[in-house]
Amino acid sequence: CSYWRWYGVKQNHGDHGDVIKKILDDVNDASESSAATCQSSIDGDCKVGLCSLLGPEESRDTLLHVIPEDFFIPENLEHTLTIDLPVGFYRLRRAMLNYDTGFWNEQVLKNTLNYQNVKSSFWDIGSSLTNLKENIDPTDLVGAIRKTEYLMPKTKLVRANMAYETATLTAYNDHCFAIDISTDTPEVPFGKTFVAHTKIVVLNTGENSCRMICSVQAEFPNGPPLGVGWQIKKGMKAGTMEVFQKIGMTIKNCALSFGCI
């Protein structure tokens, strides 16, 4: 999925300070709303529902795991956020990549991020479309592509708008898995001038834990629009970091729900 929300820029030559203030105010408002949502999600009977979204625990997640010093960890993009998670690596990998679990599309995209009209394909592996079950040869998975589109909620500066993302599985082994995402949002101001690149790398730290490294970077294929490129980059960074935090909080809530530990 796309892991960022666009906060927008003014299309006139108004005061840049006001634009950034509104962007940051919007981030704070959304963060407070997210905290309230996440708190309510771990209260009452919904604990069991959250737990089931991650699926059953895996025995191999209980083992000590050490990543070799010479192992190549996928490189991050420009801006990075690291989150340690109390859930097993294999369990989280299955939940995030397997279409059947409902964890990613239903819990993360729809419930946590409030995206609507979510449509997602299976992973395209060569000439075939498939769900990423654990019995697939890992060497066949790297390079798999999944397309997703959804309606992002309105903000103080931008109306609700469609996002179109392409996710590519760039690493899949016992030490880590990585997903690279490029997202187009043509309906937002200046949306046709940039592409949002996001990346999630999950490292196996063993003993029912893992580390998620999220990063983001803006690309302007034909150069940044005059006078607003820095605002686009700043807004994209702020919005994406908020989304990464929401994703991390959702995973933690699911993992720590009643019956999961």
C-alpha atoms as a PDB file:
ATOM      1  CA  CYS A   1       0.000   0.000   0.000  1.00  0.00           C
ATOM      2  CA  SER A   2       0.914   3.598  -0.022  1.00  0.00           C
ATOM      3  CA  TYR A   3       2.092   4.576   3.390  1.00  0.00           C
ATOM      4  CA  TRP A   4       1.658   8.357   3.123  1.00  0.00           C
ATOM      5  CA  ARG A   5      -1.012  11.012   3.135  1.00  0.00           C
ATOM      6  CA  TRP A   6      -0.703  14.085   0.951  1.00  0.00           C
ATOM      7  CA  TYR A   7      -1.201  17.340   2.840  1.00  0.00           C
ATOM      8  CA  GLY A   8      -1.072  19.626  -0.163  1.00  0.00           C
ATOM      9  CA  VAL A   9       0.301  23.029  -1.026  1.00  0.00           C
ATOM     10  CA  LYS A  10      -1.356  26.281  -2.025  1.00  0.00           C
ATOM     11  CA  GLN A  11      -1.627  26.822  -5.761  1.00  0.00           C
ATOM     12  CA  ASN A  12      -1.101  30.578  -5.441  1.00  0.00           C
ATOM     13  CA  HIS A  13       1.839  32.516  -4.087  1.00  0.00           C
ATOM     14  CA  GLY A  14       0.541  32.866  -0.542  1.00  0.00           C
ATOM     15  CA  ASP A  15       2.693  32.864   2.543  1.00  0.00           C
ATOM     16  CA  HIS A  16       4.738  29.654   2.710  1.00  0.00           C
ATOM     17  CA  GLY A  17       4.839  29.783   6.501  1.00  0.00           C
ATOM     18  CA  ASP A  18       1.055  29.547   6.672  1.00  0.00           C
ATOM     19  CA  VAL A  19       1.096  26.520   4.384  1.00  0.00           C
ATOM     20  CA  ILE A  20       3.601  24.624   6.534  1.00  0.00           C
ATOM     21  CA  LYS A  21       1.744  25.594   9.721  1.00  0.00           C
ATOM     22  CA  LYS A  22      -1.463  24.153   8.286  1.00  0.00           C
ATOM     23  CA  ILE A  23       0.384  21.013   7.215  1.00  0.00           C
ATOM     24  CA  LEU A  24       1.820  20.486  10.690  1.00  0.00           C
ATOM     25  CA  ASP A  25      -1.521  21.267  12.352  1.00  0.00           C
ATOM     26  CA  ASP A  26      -3.140  18.656  10.114  1.00  0.00           C
ATOM     27  CA  VAL A  27      -0.504  16.102  11.099  1.00  0.00           C
ATOM     28  CA  ASN A  28      -1.105  16.782  14.799  1.00  0.00           C
ATOM     29  CA  ASP A  29      -4.888  16.527  14.413  1.00  0.00           C
ATOM     30  CA  ALA A  30      -4.571  13.261  12.517  1.00  0.00           C
ATOM     31  CA  SER A  31      -2.123  11.857  15.070  1.00  0.00           C
ATOM     32  CA  GLU A  32      -4.483  12.629  17.941  1.00  0.00           C
ATOM     33  CA  SER A  33      -7.335  10.975  16.040  1.00  0.00           C
ATOM     34  CA  SER A  34      -5.128   7.968  15.342  1.00  0.00           C
ATOM     35  CA  ALA A  35      -4.207   7.618  19.014  1.00  0.00           C
ATOM     36  CA  ALA A  36      -7.869   7.673  20.002  1.00  0.00           C
ATOM     37  CA  THR A  37      -8.709   5.090  17.339  1.00  0.00           C
ATOM     38  CA  CYS A  38      -5.869   2.820  18.373  1.00  0.00           C
ATOM     39  CA  GLN A  39      -6.822   3.089  22.041  1.00  0.00           C
ATOM     40  CA  SER A  40     -10.413   2.116  21.316  1.00  0.00           C
ATOM     41  CA  SER A  41      -9.229  -0.753  19.141  1.00  0.00           C
ATOM     42  CA  ILE A  42      -7.583  -2.503  22.090  1.00  0.00           C
ATOM     43  CA  ASP A  43     -10.529  -2.129  24.449  1.00  0.00           C
ATOM     44  CA  GLY A  44     -13.330  -4.596  24.941  1.00  0.00           C
ATOM     45  CA  ASP A  45     -14.328  -7.490  22.735  1.00  0.00           C
ATOM     46  CA  CYS A  46     -12.397  -6.300  19.661  1.00  0.00           C
ATOM     47  CA  LYS A  47      -9.166  -7.607  21.226  1.00  0.00           C
ATOM     48  CA  VAL A  48      -9.840 -11.099  19.943  1.00  0.00           C
ATOM     49  CA  GLY A  49     -10.636  -9.776  16.462  1.00  0.00           C
ATOM     50  CA  LEU A  50      -7.367  -7.870  16.274  1.00  0.00           C
ATOM     51  CA  CYS A  51      -5.447 -10.900  17.427  1.00  0.00           C
ATOM     52  CA  SER A  52      -6.914 -13.111  14.717  1.00  0.00           C
ATOM     53  CA  LEU A  53      -5.851 -10.709  11.970  1.00  0.00           C
ATOM     54  CA  LEU A  54      -2.197 -11.627  12.487  1.00  0.00           C
ATOM     55  CA  GLY A  55      -3.029 -15.307  12.375  1.00  0.00           C
ATOM     56  CA  PRO A  56      -1.574 -18.005  14.641  1.00  0.00           C
ATOM     57  CA  GLU A  57       1.873 -17.749  16.154  1.00  0.00           C
ATOM     58  CA  GLU A  58       4.671 -19.704  14.492  1.00  0.00           C
ATOM     59  CA  SER A  59       7.014 -21.880  16.525  1.00  0.00           C
ATOM     60  CA  ARG A  60      10.079 -20.773  14.559  1.00  0.00           C
ATOM     61  CA  ASP A  61       9.445 -17.187  15.685  1.00  0.00           C
ATOM     62  CA  THR A  62      10.303 -18.194  19.255  1.00  0.00           C
ATOM     63  CA  LEU A  63      13.882 -19.089  18.304  1.00  0.00           C
ATOM     64  CA  LEU A  64      16.920 -16.843  18.693  1.00  0.00           C
ATOM     65  CA  HIS A  65      17.861 -15.330  15.347  1.00  0.00           C
ATOM     66  CA  VAL A  66      21.066 -13.508  14.488  1.00  0.00           C
ATOM     67  CA  ILE A  67      21.501 -11.739  11.171  1.00  0.00           C
ATOM     68  CA  PRO A  68      25.045 -12.335   9.840  1.00  0.00           C
ATOM     69  CA  GLU A  69      27.316  -9.304   9.817  1.00  0.00           C
ATOM     70  CA  ASP A  70      27.980  -9.693   6.116  1.00  0.00           C
ATOM     71  CA  PHE A  71      24.295  -9.914   5.213  1.00  0.00           C
ATOM     72  CA  PHE A  72      23.182  -7.126   2.871  1.00  0.00           C
ATOM     73  CA  ILE A  73      20.248  -5.254   4.374  1.00  0.00           C
ATOM     74  CA  PRO A  74      18.252  -3.336   1.745  1.00  0.00           C
ATOM     75  CA  GLU A  75      19.135   0.346   1.608  1.00  0.00           C
ATOM     76  CA  ASN A  76      16.693   2.925   2.931  1.00  0.00           C
ATOM     77  CA  LEU A  77      15.292   5.962   1.182  1.00  0.00           C
ATOM     78  CA  GLU A  78      15.931   9.581   2.223  1.00  0.00           C
ATOM     79  CA  HIS A  79      13.841   9.854   5.421  1.00  0.00           C
ATOM     80  CA  THR A  80      13.687   6.896   7.824  1.00  0.00           C
ATOM     81  CA  LEU A  81      11.690   5.698  10.832  1.00  0.00           C
ATOM     82  CA  THR A  82      12.593   2.538  12.794  1.00  0.00           C
ATOM     83  CA  ILE A  83       9.995   0.695  14.908  1.00  0.00           C
ATOM     84  CA  ASP A  84      10.650  -2.387  17.067  1.00  0.00           C
ATOM     85  CA  LEU A  85       7.636  -4.708  17.084  1.00  0.00           C
ATOM     86  CA  PRO A  86       6.566  -7.395  19.604  1.00  0.00           C
ATOM     87  CA  VAL A  87       5.538  -9.898  16.951  1.00  0.00           C
ATOM     88  CA  GLY A  88       7.341 -12.749  15.266  1.00  0.00           C
ATOM     89  CA  PHE A  89       8.953 -12.099  11.889  1.00  0.00           C
ATOM     90  CA  TYR A  90       7.311 -15.005  10.045  1.00  0.00           C
ATOM     91  CA  ARG A  91       3.923 -14.267  11.533  1.00  0.00           C
ATOM     92  CA  LEU A  92       4.037 -10.625  10.467  1.00  0.00           C
ATOM     93  CA  ARG A  93       5.357 -11.508   7.012  1.00  0.00           C
ATOM     94  CA  ARG A  94       2.434 -13.852   6.445  1.00  0.00           C
ATOM     95  CA  ALA A  95      -0.073 -11.244   7.649  1.00  0.00           C
ATOM     96  CA  MET A  96       1.346  -8.411   5.547  1.00  0.00           C
ATOM     97  CA  LEU A  97       1.834 -10.334   2.299  1.00  0.00           C
ATOM     98  CA  ASN A  98      -0.987 -12.886   2.313  1.00  0.00           C
ATOM     99  CA  TYR A  99      -4.164 -11.491   0.758  1.00  0.00           C
ATOM    100  CA  ASP A 100      -6.418 -13.890   2.713  1.00  0.00           C
ATOM    101  CA  THR A 101      -5.605 -12.579   6.188  1.00  0.00           C
ATOM    102  CA  GLY A 102      -7.427  -9.257   5.779  1.00  0.00           C
ATOM    103  CA  PHE A 103      -4.787  -7.634   7.940  1.00  0.00           C
ATOM    104  CA  TRP A 104      -3.327  -5.230   5.389  1.00  0.00           C
ATOM    105  CA  ASN A 105      -6.293  -4.184   3.276  1.00  0.00           C
ATOM    106  CA  GLU A 106      -8.977  -4.339   5.961  1.00  0.00           C
ATOM    107  CA  GLN A 107      -7.195  -3.378   9.180  1.00  0.00           C
ATOM    108  CA  VAL A 108      -4.350  -1.167   7.980  1.00  0.00           C
ATOM    109  CA  LEU A 109      -5.712   0.518   4.856  1.00  0.00           C
ATOM    110  CA  LYS A 110      -9.409   0.741   5.677  1.00  0.00           C
ATOM    111  CA  ASN A 111      -9.614   0.858   9.483  1.00  0.00           C
ATOM    112  CA  THR A 112      -6.350   2.514  10.495  1.00  0.00           C
ATOM    113  CA  LEU A 113      -5.714   4.867   7.580  1.00  0.00           C
ATOM    114  CA  ASN A 114      -9.396   5.404   6.686  1.00  0.00           C
ATOM    115  CA  TYR A 115      -8.863   4.699   2.991  1.00  0.00           C
ATOM    116  CA  GLN A 116     -11.990   3.855   1.004  1.00  0.00           C
ATOM    117  CA  ASN A 117     -12.745   1.981  -2.228  1.00  0.00           C
ATOM    118  CA  VAL A 118      -9.653  -0.177  -1.713  1.00  0.00           C
ATOM    119  CA  LYS A 119      -8.880  -2.469  -4.638  1.00  0.00           C
ATOM    120  CA  SER A 120      -5.818  -4.692  -4.611  1.00  0.00           C
ATOM    121  CA  SER A 121      -4.559  -7.436  -6.906  1.00  0.00           C
ATOM    122  CA  PHE A 122      -2.754 -10.623  -6.012  1.00  0.00           C
ATOM    123  CA  TRP A 123       1.010 -10.594  -6.439  1.00  0.00           C
ATOM    124  CA  ASP A 124       2.088 -10.855 -10.068  1.00  0.00           C
ATOM    125  CA  ILE A 125       4.926 -13.374 -10.245  1.00  0.00           C
ATOM    126  CA  GLY A 126       6.129 -13.571 -13.811  1.00  0.00           C
ATOM    127  CA  SER A 127       3.118 -14.547 -15.886  1.00  0.00           C
ATOM    128  CA  SER A 128       0.974 -15.687 -12.959  1.00  0.00           C
ATOM    129  CA  LEU A 129      -1.085 -14.019 -10.228  1.00  0.00           C
ATOM    130  CA  THR A 130      -0.886 -15.630  -6.810  1.00  0.00           C
ATOM    131  CA  ASN A 131      -1.283 -15.161  -3.104  1.00  0.00           C
ATOM    132  CA  LEU A 132       2.033 -15.366  -1.248  1.00  0.00           C
ATOM    133  CA  LYS A 133       1.682 -18.609   0.678  1.00  0.00           C
ATOM    134  CA  GLU A 134       4.623 -19.777   2.766  1.00  0.00           C
ATOM    135  CA  ASN A 135       5.253 -22.856   0.617  1.00  0.00           C
ATOM    136  CA  ILE A 136       6.328 -20.835  -2.449  1.00  0.00           C
ATOM    137  CA  ASP A 137      10.029 -20.987  -3.324  1.00  0.00           C
ATOM    138  CA  PRO A 138      11.504 -17.709  -1.964  1.00  0.00           C
ATOM    139  CA  THR A 139      13.739 -17.363  -5.028  1.00  0.00           C
ATOM    140  CA  ASP A 140      10.586 -17.046  -7.153  1.00  0.00           C
ATOM    141  CA  LEU A 141       9.114 -14.234  -5.086  1.00  0.00           C
ATOM    142  CA  VAL A 142      11.617 -11.395  -5.411  1.00  0.00           C
ATOM    143  CA  GLY A 143      10.330  -9.050  -8.075  1.00  0.00           C
ATOM    144  CA  ALA A 144       6.660  -9.887  -7.494  1.00  0.00           C
ATOM    145  CA  ILE A 145       4.369  -6.886  -8.083  1.00  0.00           C
ATOM    146  CA  ARG A 146       1.026  -5.937  -6.549  1.00  0.00           C
ATOM    147  CA  LYS A 147      -1.211  -3.071  -7.676  1.00  0.00           C
ATOM    148  CA  THR A 148      -3.460  -1.226  -5.218  1.00  0.00           C
ATOM    149  CA  GLU A 149      -5.709   1.803  -5.513  1.00  0.00           C
ATOM    150  CA  TYR A 150      -7.831   3.607  -2.931  1.00  0.00           C
ATOM    151  CA  LEU A 151      -9.528   6.879  -2.059  1.00  0.00           C
ATOM    152  CA  MET A 152      -7.545   8.868   0.505  1.00  0.00           C
ATOM    153  CA  PRO A 153      -9.497  11.010   3.031  1.00  0.00           C
ATOM    154  CA  LYS A 154      -9.658  14.774   2.683  1.00  0.00           C
ATOM    155  CA  THR A 155      -7.389  17.014   4.723  1.00  0.00           C
ATOM    156  CA  LYS A 156      -7.612  20.690   5.626  1.00  0.00           C
ATOM    157  CA  LEU A 157      -6.019  21.620   2.323  1.00  0.00           C
ATOM    158  CA  VAL A 158      -6.928  18.855  -0.126  1.00  0.00           C
ATOM    159  CA  ARG A 159     -10.190  17.101  -0.973  1.00  0.00           C
ATOM    160  CA  ALA A 160     -10.454  13.306  -0.952  1.00  0.00           C
ATOM    161  CA  ASN A 161      -8.383  11.925  -3.819  1.00  0.00           C
ATOM    162  CA  MET A 162      -7.395   8.661  -5.447  1.00  0.00           C
ATOM    163  CA  ALA A 163      -3.966   7.083  -5.029  1.00  0.00           C
ATOM    164  CA  TYR A 164      -2.495   4.433  -7.320  1.00  0.00           C
ATOM    165  CA  GLU A 165       0.421   2.399  -6.058  1.00  0.00           C
ATOM    166  CA  THR A 166       2.712  -0.307  -7.325  1.00  0.00           C
ATOM    167  CA  ALA A 167       4.362  -2.462  -4.661  1.00  0.00           C
ATOM    168  CA  THR A 168       7.375  -4.614  -5.515  1.00  0.00           C
ATOM    169  CA  LEU A 169       8.724  -7.339  -3.241  1.00  0.00           C
ATOM    170  CA  THR A 170      12.475  -6.667  -3.324  1.00  0.00           C
ATOM    171  CA  ALA A 171      13.699  -9.040  -0.596  1.00  0.00           C
ATOM    172  CA  TYR A 172      12.295 -12.272   0.838  1.00  0.00           C
ATOM    173  CA  ASN A 173      14.423 -14.550   3.014  1.00  0.00           C
ATOM    174  CA  ASP A 174      14.819 -15.716   6.615  1.00  0.00           C
ATOM    175  CA  HIS A 175      16.570 -12.499   7.653  1.00  0.00           C
ATOM    176  CA  CYS A 176      14.298  -9.869   6.147  1.00  0.00           C
ATOM    177  CA  PHE A 177      11.639  -8.979   3.644  1.00  0.00           C
ATOM    178  CA  ALA A 178      11.290  -5.659   1.861  1.00  0.00           C
ATOM    179  CA  ILE A 179       8.565  -3.921  -0.111  1.00  0.00           C
ATOM    180  CA  ASP A 180       9.252  -0.950  -2.384  1.00  0.00           C
ATOM    181  CA  ILE A 181       6.229   1.184  -3.284  1.00  0.00           C
ATOM    182  CA  SER A 182       5.753   3.934  -5.837  1.00  0.00           C
ATOM    183  CA  THR A 183       2.546   5.953  -5.574  1.00  0.00           C
ATOM    184  CA  ASP A 184       0.882   8.369  -7.977  1.00  0.00           C
ATOM    185  CA  THR A 185      -1.724  10.886  -6.784  1.00  0.00           C
ATOM    186  CA  PRO A 186      -2.680  12.806  -9.929  1.00  0.00           C
ATOM    187  CA  GLU A 187      -5.684  14.564  -8.351  1.00  0.00           C
ATOM    188  CA  VAL A 188      -3.784  16.544  -5.692  1.00  0.00           C
ATOM    189  CA  PRO A 189      -2.207  19.948  -6.441  1.00  0.00           C
ATOM    190  CA  PHE A 190       0.918  19.402  -8.573  1.00  0.00           C
ATOM    191  CA  GLY A 191       0.223  15.665  -8.277  1.00  0.00           C
ATOM    192  CA  LYS A 192       1.312  14.950 -11.840  1.00  0.00           C
ATOM    193  CA  THR A 193       4.769  16.380 -11.178  1.00  0.00           C
ATOM    194  CA  PHE A 194       5.945  13.948  -8.508  1.00  0.00           C
ATOM    195  CA  VAL A 195       5.995  10.306  -7.420  1.00  0.00           C
ATOM    196  CA  ALA A 196       6.072   9.193  -3.785  1.00  0.00           C
ATOM    197  CA  HIS A 197       8.522   6.372  -3.105  1.00  0.00           C
ATOM    198  CA  THR A 198       8.121   4.484   0.167  1.00  0.00           C
ATOM    199  CA  LYS A 199       9.817   1.382   1.499  1.00  0.00           C
ATOM    200  CA  ILE A 200       9.260  -1.056   4.342  1.00  0.00           C
ATOM    201  CA  VAL A 201      12.037  -3.404   5.441  1.00  0.00           C
ATOM    202  CA  VAL A 202      11.267  -5.900   8.216  1.00  0.00           C
ATOM    203  CA  LEU A 203      14.227  -7.560   9.957  1.00  0.00           C
ATOM    204  CA  ASN A 204      14.058 -10.843  11.851  1.00  0.00           C
ATOM    205  CA  THR A 205      15.335 -10.145  15.385  1.00  0.00           C
ATOM    206  CA  GLY A 206      14.141 -13.469  16.786  1.00  0.00           C
ATOM    207  CA  GLU A 207      12.256 -14.471  19.944  1.00  0.00           C
ATOM    208  CA  ASN A 208       8.865 -13.188  18.748  1.00  0.00           C
ATOM    209  CA  SER A 209      10.173  -9.787  17.713  1.00  0.00           C
ATOM    210  CA  CYS A 210      11.130  -7.948  14.565  1.00  0.00           C
ATOM    211  CA  ARG A 211      12.286  -4.512  13.484  1.00  0.00           C
ATOM    212  CA  MET A 212      10.449  -2.482  10.848  1.00  0.00           C
ATOM    213  CA  ILE A 213      12.422   0.201   9.008  1.00  0.00           C
ATOM    214  CA  CYS A 214      10.216   2.555   6.990  1.00  0.00           C
ATOM    215  CA  SER A 215      11.475   5.242   4.626  1.00  0.00           C
ATOM    216  CA  VAL A 216      10.205   7.757   2.081  1.00  0.00           C
ATOM    217  CA  GLN A 217      11.587   9.870  -0.743  1.00  0.00           C
ATOM    218  CA  ALA A 218      10.030  12.243  -3.279  1.00  0.00           C
ATOM    219  CA  GLU A 219      10.845  12.021  -6.983  1.00  0.00           C
ATOM    220  CA  PHE A 220      10.209  14.761  -9.532  1.00  0.00           C
ATOM    221  CA  PRO A 221      10.634  13.058 -12.930  1.00  0.00           C
ATOM    222  CA  ASN A 222      10.748  16.386 -14.804  1.00  0.00           C
ATOM    223  CA  GLY A 223      12.143  18.519 -11.999  1.00  0.00           C
ATOM    224  CA  PRO A 224      10.305  20.049  -9.021  1.00  0.00           C
ATOM    225  CA  PRO A 225       7.641  22.678  -9.732  1.00  0.00           C
ATOM    226  CA  LEU A 226       9.036  26.164  -9.257  1.00  0.00           C
ATOM    227  CA  GLY A 227       8.685  27.502  -5.735  1.00  0.00           C
ATOM    228  CA  VAL A 228       6.780  24.564  -4.216  1.00  0.00           C
ATOM    229  CA  GLY A 229       9.091  21.557  -4.543  1.00  0.00           C
ATOM    230  CA  TRP A 230      10.354  21.943  -0.987  1.00  0.00           C
ATOM    231  CA  GLN A 231       6.778  22.157   0.320  1.00  0.00           C
ATOM    232  CA  ILE A 232       5.855  18.947  -1.476  1.00  0.00           C
ATOM    233  CA  LYS A 233       8.865  17.157   0.018  1.00  0.00           C
ATOM    234  CA  LYS A 234       8.186  18.511   3.521  1.00  0.00           C
ATOM    235  CA  GLY A 235       4.484  17.640   3.363  1.00  0.00           C
ATOM    236  CA  MET A 236       5.217  14.174   2.016  1.00  0.00           C
ATOM    237  CA  LYS A 237       7.747  13.481   4.770  1.00  0.00           C
ATOM    238  CA  ALA A 238       5.382  14.672   7.541  1.00  0.00           C
ATOM    239  CA  GLY A 239       2.416  12.731   6.208  1.00  0.00           C
ATOM    240  CA  THR A 240       4.358   9.546   5.580  1.00  0.00           C
ATOM    241  CA  MET A 241       5.985   9.493   9.000  1.00  0.00           C
ATOM    242  CA  GLU A 242       2.542   9.810  10.568  1.00  0.00           C
ATOM    243  CA  VAL A 243       1.272   6.889   8.479  1.00  0.00           C
ATOM    244  CA  PHE A 244       4.295   4.760   9.396  1.00  0.00           C
ATOM    245  CA  GLN A 245       3.601   5.430  13.081  1.00  0.00           C
ATOM    246  CA  LYS A 246      -0.037   4.422  12.637  1.00  0.00           C
ATOM    247  CA  ILE A 247       0.993   1.184  10.935  1.00  0.00           C
ATOM    248  CA  GLY A 248       3.439   0.389  13.728  1.00  0.00           C
ATOM    249  CA  MET A 249       0.825   1.116  16.394  1.00  0.00           C
ATOM    250  CA  THR A 250      -1.707  -1.102  14.630  1.00  0.00           C
ATOM    251  CA  ILE A 251       0.748  -4.014  14.471  1.00  0.00           C
ATOM    252  CA  LYS A 252       1.610  -3.592  18.158  1.00  0.00           C
ATOM    253  CA  ASN A 253      -2.047  -3.454  19.155  1.00  0.00           C
ATOM    254  CA  CYS A 254      -2.800  -6.619  17.203  1.00  0.00           C
ATOM    255  CA  ALA A 255       0.209  -8.438  18.652  1.00  0.00           C
ATOM    256  CA  LEU A 256      -0.524  -7.432  22.256  1.00  0.00           C
ATOM    257  CA  SER A 257      -4.246  -8.085  22.116  1.00  0.00           C
ATOM    258  CA  PHE A 258      -5.815 -10.681  24.380  1.00  0.00           C
ATOM    259  CA  GLY A 259      -4.942 -14.194  23.307  1.00  0.00           C
ATOM    260  CA  CYS A 260      -1.950 -13.216  21.156  1.00  0.00           C
ATOM    261  CA  ILE A 261       0.711 -13.537  23.824  1.00  0.00           C
END
